[in-house]
Amino acid sequence: MAVTQMRALAFHKIHFLSDCKSIVDELAQYTTRATIRKVRNTESISMIQDIVEAARDNEFTFSYMPRSS
């Protein structure tokens, strides 16, 4: 939702932090076009692909930050 909102507001070069390591890892895999190690359900794959497409067009980046931080 955050990526969609930032895209709708025409923001560029946003860095997103997430406490969900698996999602950040999957985004990195799709962004670098690396081999996908774990296959998620179809709905998740579609969302990840949409996020990666929006990120590429708007120079969004993502990284993991533990919740305890």
PDB file of N, CA and C in Angstrom:
ATOM      1  N   MET A   1       0.818  -1.189   0.000  1.00  0.00           N
ATOM      2  CA  MET A   1       0.000   0.000   0.000  1.00  0.00           C
ATOM      3  C   MET A   1       0.864   1.256   0.000  1.00  0.00           C
ATOM      4  N   ALA A   2       1.958   1.222   0.718  1.00  0.00           N
ATOM      5  CA  ALA A   2       2.837   2.398   0.783  1.00  0.00           C
ATOM      6  C   ALA A   2       3.450   2.695  -0.580  1.00  0.00           C
ATOM      7  N   VAL A   3       3.862   1.649  -1.288  1.00  0.00           N
ATOM      8  CA  VAL A   3       4.444   1.841  -2.620  1.00  0.00           C
ATOM      9  C   VAL A   3       3.408   2.433  -3.563  1.00  0.00           C
ATOM     10  N   THR A   4       2.202   1.921  -3.512  1.00  0.00           N
ATOM     11  CA  THR A   4       1.128   2.435  -4.358  1.00  0.00           C
ATOM     12  C   THR A   4       0.848   3.897  -4.059  1.00  0.00           C
ATOM     13  N   GLN A   5       0.812   4.246  -2.795  1.00  0.00           N
ATOM     14  CA  GLN A   5       0.537   5.632  -2.405  1.00  0.00           C
ATOM     15  C   GLN A   5       1.662   6.569  -2.839  1.00  0.00           C
ATOM     16  N   MET A   6       2.896   6.176  -2.630  1.00  0.00           N
ATOM     17  CA  MET A   6       4.027   7.021  -3.039  1.00  0.00           C
ATOM     18  C   MET A   6       4.055   7.199  -4.556  1.00  0.00           C
ATOM     19  N   ARG A   7       3.706   6.141  -5.272  1.00  0.00           N
ATOM     20  CA  ARG A   7       3.641   6.227  -6.739  1.00  0.00           C
ATOM     21  C   ARG A   7       2.523   7.163  -7.172  1.00  0.00           C
ATOM     22  N   ALA A   8       1.361   7.050  -6.534  1.00  0.00           N
ATOM     23  CA  ALA A   8       0.220   7.916  -6.873  1.00  0.00           C
ATOM     24  C   ALA A   8       0.538   9.392  -6.605  1.00  0.00           C
ATOM     25  N   LEU A   9       1.345   9.649  -5.598  1.00  0.00           N
ATOM     26  CA  LEU A   9       1.729  11.023  -5.266  1.00  0.00           C
ATOM     27  C   LEU A   9       2.942  11.504  -6.062  1.00  0.00           C
ATOM     28  N   ALA A  10       3.417  10.654  -6.975  1.00  0.00           N
ATOM     29  CA  ALA A  10       4.532  10.971  -7.872  1.00  0.00           C
ATOM     30  C   ALA A  10       5.852  11.227  -7.131  1.00  0.00           C
ATOM     31  N   PHE A  11       6.059  10.519  -6.030  1.00  0.00           N
ATOM     32  CA  PHE A  11       7.331  10.595  -5.318  1.00  0.00           C
ATOM     33  C   PHE A  11       8.364   9.729  -6.025  1.00  0.00           C
ATOM     34  N   HIS A  12       9.622  10.123  -5.947  1.00  0.00           N
ATOM     35  CA  HIS A  12      10.723   9.374  -6.525  1.00  0.00           C
ATOM     36  C   HIS A  12      11.822   9.231  -5.482  1.00  0.00           C
ATOM     37  N   LYS A  13      12.646   8.220  -5.685  1.00  0.00           N
ATOM     38  CA  LYS A  13      13.803   7.966  -4.819  1.00  0.00           C
ATOM     39  C   LYS A  13      13.423   7.842  -3.340  1.00  0.00           C
ATOM     40  N   ILE A  14      12.474   6.974  -3.066  1.00  0.00           N
ATOM     41  CA  ILE A  14      12.039   6.683  -1.694  1.00  0.00           C
ATOM     42  C   ILE A  14      12.704   5.379  -1.249  1.00  0.00           C
ATOM     43  N   HIS A  15      13.169   5.347  -0.011  1.00  0.00           N
ATOM     44  CA  HIS A  15      13.738   4.129   0.557  1.00  0.00           C
ATOM     45  C   HIS A  15      12.773   3.598   1.611  1.00  0.00           C
ATOM     46  N   PHE A  16      12.292   2.387   1.405  1.00  0.00           N
ATOM     47  CA  PHE A  16      11.346   1.755   2.320  1.00  0.00           C
ATOM     48  C   PHE A  16      12.090   0.809   3.249  1.00  0.00           C
ATOM     49  N   LEU A  17      11.724   0.821   4.529  1.00  0.00           N
ATOM     50  CA  LEU A  17      12.249  -0.119   5.515  1.00  0.00           C
ATOM     51  C   LEU A  17      11.121  -1.056   5.911  1.00  0.00           C
ATOM     52  N   SER A  18      11.451  -2.321   6.080  1.00  0.00           N
ATOM     53  CA  SER A  18      10.453  -3.306   6.475  1.00  0.00           C
ATOM     54  C   SER A  18      11.045  -4.254   7.504  1.00  0.00           C
ATOM     55  N   ASP A  19      10.193  -4.738   8.393  1.00  0.00           N
ATOM     56  CA  ASP A  19      10.639  -5.729   9.367  1.00  0.00           C
ATOM     57  C   ASP A  19      10.343  -7.152   8.881  1.00  0.00           C
ATOM     58  N   CYS A  20       9.878  -7.274   7.634  1.00  0.00           N
ATOM     59  CA  CYS A  20       9.573  -8.586   7.054  1.00  0.00           C
ATOM     60  C   CYS A  20      10.704  -8.985   6.108  1.00  0.00           C
ATOM     61  N   LYS A  21      11.650  -9.738   6.639  1.00  0.00           N
ATOM     62  CA  LYS A  21      12.835 -10.107   5.869  1.00  0.00           C
ATOM     63  C   LYS A  21      12.497 -10.911   4.624  1.00  0.00           C
ATOM     64  N   SER A  22      11.528 -11.793   4.703  1.00  0.00           N
ATOM     65  CA  SER A  22      11.204 -12.624   3.535  1.00  0.00           C
ATOM     66  C   SER A  22      10.710 -11.778   2.364  1.00  0.00           C
ATOM     67  N   ILE A  23       9.910 -10.756   2.634  1.00  0.00           N
ATOM     68  CA  ILE A  23       9.426  -9.881   1.561  1.00  0.00           C
ATOM     69  C   ILE A  23      10.579  -9.072   0.975  1.00  0.00           C
ATOM     70  N   VAL A  24      11.429  -8.523   1.821  1.00  0.00           N
ATOM     71  CA  VAL A  24      12.574  -7.740   1.337  1.00  0.00           C
ATOM     72  C   VAL A  24      13.494  -8.628   0.502  1.00  0.00           C
ATOM     73  N   ASP A  25      13.704  -9.864   0.936  1.00  0.00           N
ATOM     74  CA  ASP A  25      14.541 -10.797   0.175  1.00  0.00           C
ATOM     75  C   ASP A  25      13.922 -11.097  -1.187  1.00  0.00           C
ATOM     76  N   GLU A  26      12.619 -11.307  -1.216  1.00  0.00           N
ATOM     77  CA  GLU A  26      11.949 -11.575  -2.493  1.00  0.00           C
ATOM     78  C   GLU A  26      12.006 -10.364  -3.416  1.00  0.00           C
ATOM     79  N   LEU A  27      11.822  -9.172  -2.868  1.00  0.00           N
ATOM     80  CA  LEU A  27      11.937  -7.960  -3.679  1.00  0.00           C
ATOM     81  C   LEU A  27      13.332  -7.858  -4.285  1.00  0.00           C
ATOM     82  N   ALA A  28      14.342  -8.156  -3.494  1.00  0.00           N
ATOM     83  CA  ALA A  28      15.725  -8.103  -3.980  1.00  0.00           C
ATOM     84  C   ALA A  28      15.947  -9.133  -5.080  1.00  0.00           C
ATOM     85  N   GLN A  29      15.384 -10.313  -4.913  1.00  0.00           N
ATOM     86  CA  GLN A  29      15.533 -11.356  -5.925  1.00  0.00           C
ATOM     87  C   GLN A  29      14.880 -10.941  -7.245  1.00  0.00           C
ATOM     88  N   TYR A  30      13.668 -10.406  -7.173  1.00  0.00           N
ATOM     89  CA  TYR A  30      12.990  -9.969  -8.396  1.00  0.00           C
ATOM     90  C   TYR A  30      13.692  -8.761  -9.012  1.00  0.00           C
ATOM     91  N   THR A  31      14.160  -7.838  -8.177  1.00  0.00           N
ATOM     92  CA  THR A  31      14.817  -6.635  -8.679  1.00  0.00           C
ATOM     93  C   THR A  31      16.102  -6.977  -9.423  1.00  0.00           C
ATOM     94  N   THR A  32      16.865  -7.910  -8.880  1.00  0.00           N
ATOM     95  CA  THR A  32      18.127  -8.299  -9.516  1.00  0.00           C
ATOM     96  C   THR A  32      17.933  -9.435 -10.517  1.00  0.00           C
ATOM     97  N   ARG A  33      16.703  -9.890 -10.636  1.00  0.00           N
ATOM     98  CA  ARG A  33      16.357 -11.001 -11.542  1.00  0.00           C
ATOM     99  C   ARG A  33      17.117 -12.274 -11.201  1.00  0.00           C
ATOM    100  N   ALA A  34      17.395 -12.420  -9.921  1.00  0.00           N
ATOM    101  CA  ALA A  34      18.071 -13.629  -9.455  1.00  0.00           C
ATOM    102  C   ALA A  34      17.080 -14.794  -9.485  1.00  0.00           C
ATOM    103  N   THR A  35      17.595 -15.969  -9.373  1.00  0.00           N
ATOM    104  CA  THR A  35      16.736 -17.140  -9.314  1.00  0.00           C
ATOM    105  C   THR A  35      15.909 -17.089  -8.038  1.00  0.00           C
ATOM    106  N   ILE A  36      14.622 -17.271  -8.165  1.00  0.00           N
ATOM    107  CA  ILE A  36      13.738 -17.251  -7.006  1.00  0.00           C
ATOM    108  C   ILE A  36      13.922 -18.557  -6.246  1.00  0.00           C
ATOM    109  N   ARG A  37      14.305 -18.433  -4.995  1.00  0.00           N
ATOM    110  CA  ARG A  37      14.601 -19.617  -4.189  1.00  0.00           C
ATOM    111  C   ARG A  37      13.348 -20.254  -3.600  1.00  0.00           C
ATOM    112  N   LYS A  38      12.416 -19.430  -3.195  1.00  0.00           N
ATOM    113  CA  LYS A  38      11.195 -19.952  -2.588  1.00  0.00           C
ATOM    114  C   LYS A  38      10.003 -19.438  -3.387  1.00  0.00           C
ATOM    115  N   VAL A  39       9.130 -20.325  -3.765  1.00  0.00           N
ATOM    116  CA  VAL A  39       7.950 -19.940  -4.533  1.00  0.00           C
ATOM    117  C   VAL A  39       6.819 -19.652  -3.555  1.00  0.00           C
ATOM    118  N   ARG A  40       6.235 -18.478  -3.692  1.00  0.00           N
ATOM    119  CA  ARG A  40       5.110 -18.106  -2.848  1.00  0.00           C
ATOM    120  C   ARG A  40       3.831 -18.332  -3.624  1.00  0.00           C
ATOM    121  N   ASN A  41       2.709 -18.138  -2.966  1.00  0.00           N
ATOM    122  CA  ASN A  41       1.445 -18.342  -3.662  1.00  0.00           C
ATOM    123  C   ASN A  41       1.261 -17.280  -4.749  1.00  0.00           C
ATOM    124  N   THR A  42       0.374 -17.526  -5.685  1.00  0.00           N
ATOM    125  CA  THR A  42       0.193 -16.673  -6.859  1.00  0.00           C
ATOM    126  C   THR A  42      -0.132 -15.231  -6.498  1.00  0.00           C
ATOM    127  N   GLU A  43      -0.948 -15.017  -5.479  1.00  0.00           N
ATOM    128  CA  GLU A  43      -1.312 -13.665  -5.074  1.00  0.00           C
ATOM    129  C   GLU A  43      -0.077 -12.881  -4.619  1.00  0.00           C
ATOM    130  N   SER A  44       0.775 -13.492  -3.842  1.00  0.00           N
ATOM    131  CA  SER A  44       1.985 -12.826  -3.362  1.00  0.00           C
ATOM    132  C   SER A  44       2.937 -12.519  -4.507  1.00  0.00           C
ATOM    133  N   ILE A  45       3.095 -13.448  -5.414  1.00  0.00           N
ATOM    134  CA  ILE A  45       3.981 -13.234  -6.552  1.00  0.00           C
ATOM    135  C   ILE A  45       3.505 -12.039  -7.360  1.00  0.00           C
ATOM    136  N   SER A  46       2.227 -11.948  -7.570  1.00  0.00           N
ATOM    137  CA  SER A  46       1.659 -10.825  -8.323  1.00  0.00           C
ATOM    138  C   SER A  46       1.931  -9.504  -7.618  1.00  0.00           C
ATOM    139  N   MET A  47       1.746  -9.465  -6.299  1.00  0.00           N
ATOM    140  CA  MET A  47       2.013  -8.245  -5.536  1.00  0.00           C
ATOM    141  C   MET A  47       3.488  -7.862  -5.599  1.00  0.00           C
ATOM    142  N   ILE A  48       4.362  -8.840  -5.434  1.00  0.00           N
ATOM    143  CA  ILE A  48       5.805  -8.589  -5.494  1.00  0.00           C
ATOM    144  C   ILE A  48       6.173  -8.016  -6.861  1.00  0.00           C
ATOM    145  N   GLN A  49       5.642  -8.600  -7.921  1.00  0.00           N
ATOM    146  CA  GLN A  49       5.939  -8.112  -9.268  1.00  0.00           C
ATOM    147  C   GLN A  49       5.445  -6.681  -9.461  1.00  0.00           C
ATOM    148  N   ASP A  50       4.271  -6.363  -8.939  1.00  0.00           N
ATOM    149  CA  ASP A  50       3.734  -4.997  -9.028  1.00  0.00           C
ATOM    150  C   ASP A  50       4.617  -4.007  -8.271  1.00  0.00           C
ATOM    151  N   ILE A  51       5.076  -4.408  -7.091  1.00  0.00           N
ATOM    152  CA  ILE A  51       5.940  -3.537  -6.288  1.00  0.00           C
ATOM    153  C   ILE A  51       7.264  -3.302  -7.009  1.00  0.00           C
ATOM    154  N   VAL A  52       7.832  -4.368  -7.564  1.00  0.00           N
ATOM    155  CA  VAL A  52       9.105  -4.239  -8.281  1.00  0.00           C
ATOM    156  C   VAL A  52       8.958  -3.319  -9.494  1.00  0.00           C
ATOM    157  N   GLU A  53       7.867  -3.446 -10.208  1.00  0.00           N
ATOM    158  CA  GLU A  53       7.627  -2.583 -11.372  1.00  0.00           C
ATOM    159  C   GLU A  53       7.518  -1.119 -10.953  1.00  0.00           C
ATOM    160  N   ALA A  54       6.766  -0.847  -9.898  1.00  0.00           N
ATOM    161  CA  ALA A  54       6.627   0.524  -9.394  1.00  0.00           C
ATOM    162  C   ALA A  54       7.973   1.042  -8.889  1.00  0.00           C
ATOM    163  N   ALA A  55       8.725   0.176  -8.225  1.00  0.00           N
ATOM    164  CA  ALA A  55      10.033   0.565  -7.689  1.00  0.00           C
ATOM    165  C   ALA A  55      10.995   0.938  -8.809  1.00  0.00           C
ATOM    166  N   ARG A  56      10.975   0.168  -9.865  1.00  0.00           N
ATOM    167  CA  ARG A  56      11.879   0.422 -10.991  1.00  0.00           C
ATOM    168  C   ARG A  56      11.547   1.757 -11.649  1.00  0.00           C
ATOM    169  N   ASP A  57      10.284   2.033 -11.845  1.00  0.00           N
ATOM    170  CA  ASP A  57       9.849   3.270 -12.508  1.00  0.00           C
ATOM    171  C   ASP A  57      10.101   4.513 -11.666  1.00  0.00           C
ATOM    172  N   ASN A  58      10.115   4.356 -10.343  1.00  0.00           N
ATOM    173  CA  ASN A  58      10.201   5.506  -9.438  1.00  0.00           C
ATOM    174  C   ASN A  58      11.454   5.533  -8.574  1.00  0.00           C
ATOM    175  N   GLU A  59      12.383   4.647  -8.841  1.00  0.00           N
ATOM    176  CA  GLU A  59      13.636   4.570  -8.094  1.00  0.00           C
ATOM    177  C   GLU A  59      13.410   4.337  -6.595  1.00  0.00           C
ATOM    178  N   PHE A  60      12.479   3.445  -6.270  1.00  0.00           N
ATOM    179  CA  PHE A  60      12.243   3.060  -4.887  1.00  0.00           C
ATOM    180  C   PHE A  60      13.232   1.951  -4.528  1.00  0.00           C
ATOM    181  N   THR A  61      13.692   1.961  -3.283  1.00  0.00           N
ATOM    182  CA  THR A  61      14.562   0.906  -2.784  1.00  0.00           C
ATOM    183  C   THR A  61      13.985   0.367  -1.481  1.00  0.00           C
ATOM    184  N   PHE A  62      14.431  -0.814  -1.109  1.00  0.00           N
ATOM    185  CA  PHE A  62      13.892  -1.500   0.058  1.00  0.00           C
ATOM    186  C   PHE A  62      15.026  -2.122   0.865  1.00  0.00           C
ATOM    187  N   SER A  63      14.871  -2.113   2.176  1.00  0.00           N
ATOM    188  CA  SER A  63      15.815  -2.836   3.012  1.00  0.00           C
ATOM    189  C   SER A  63      15.126  -3.320   4.278  1.00  0.00           C
ATOM    190  N   TYR A  64      15.762  -4.296   4.869  1.00  0.00           N
ATOM    191  CA  TYR A  64      15.240  -4.921   6.076  1.00  0.00           C
ATOM    192  C   TYR A  64      15.774  -4.201   7.304  1.00  0.00           C
ATOM    193  N   MET A  65      14.889  -4.019   8.276  1.00  0.00           N
ATOM    194  CA  MET A  65      15.288  -3.492   9.571  1.00  0.00           C
ATOM    195  C   MET A  65      14.502  -4.271  10.631  1.00  0.00           C
ATOM    196  N   PRO A  66      15.185  -4.932  11.533  1.00  0.00           N
ATOM    197  CA  PRO A  66      14.471  -5.683  12.564  1.00  0.00           C
ATOM    198  C   PRO A  66      13.528  -4.790  13.365  1.00  0.00           C
ATOM    199  N   ARG A  67      12.435  -5.364  13.781  1.00  0.00           N
ATOM    200  CA  ARG A  67      11.439  -4.610  14.554  1.00  0.00           C
ATOM    201  C   ARG A  67      12.044  -4.053  15.840  1.00  0.00           C
ATOM    202  N   SER A  68      12.991  -4.769  16.408  1.00  0.00           N
ATOM    203  CA  SER A  68      13.618  -4.308  17.646  1.00  0.00           C
ATOM    204  C   SER A  68      14.452  -3.039  17.462  1.00  0.00           C
ATOM    205  N   SER A  69      14.790  -2.739  16.225  1.00  0.00           N
ATOM    206  CA  SER A  69      15.578  -1.518  15.962  1.00  0.00           C
ATOM    207  C   SER A  69      14.680  -0.314  15.936  1.00  0.00           C
TER     208      SER A  69
END
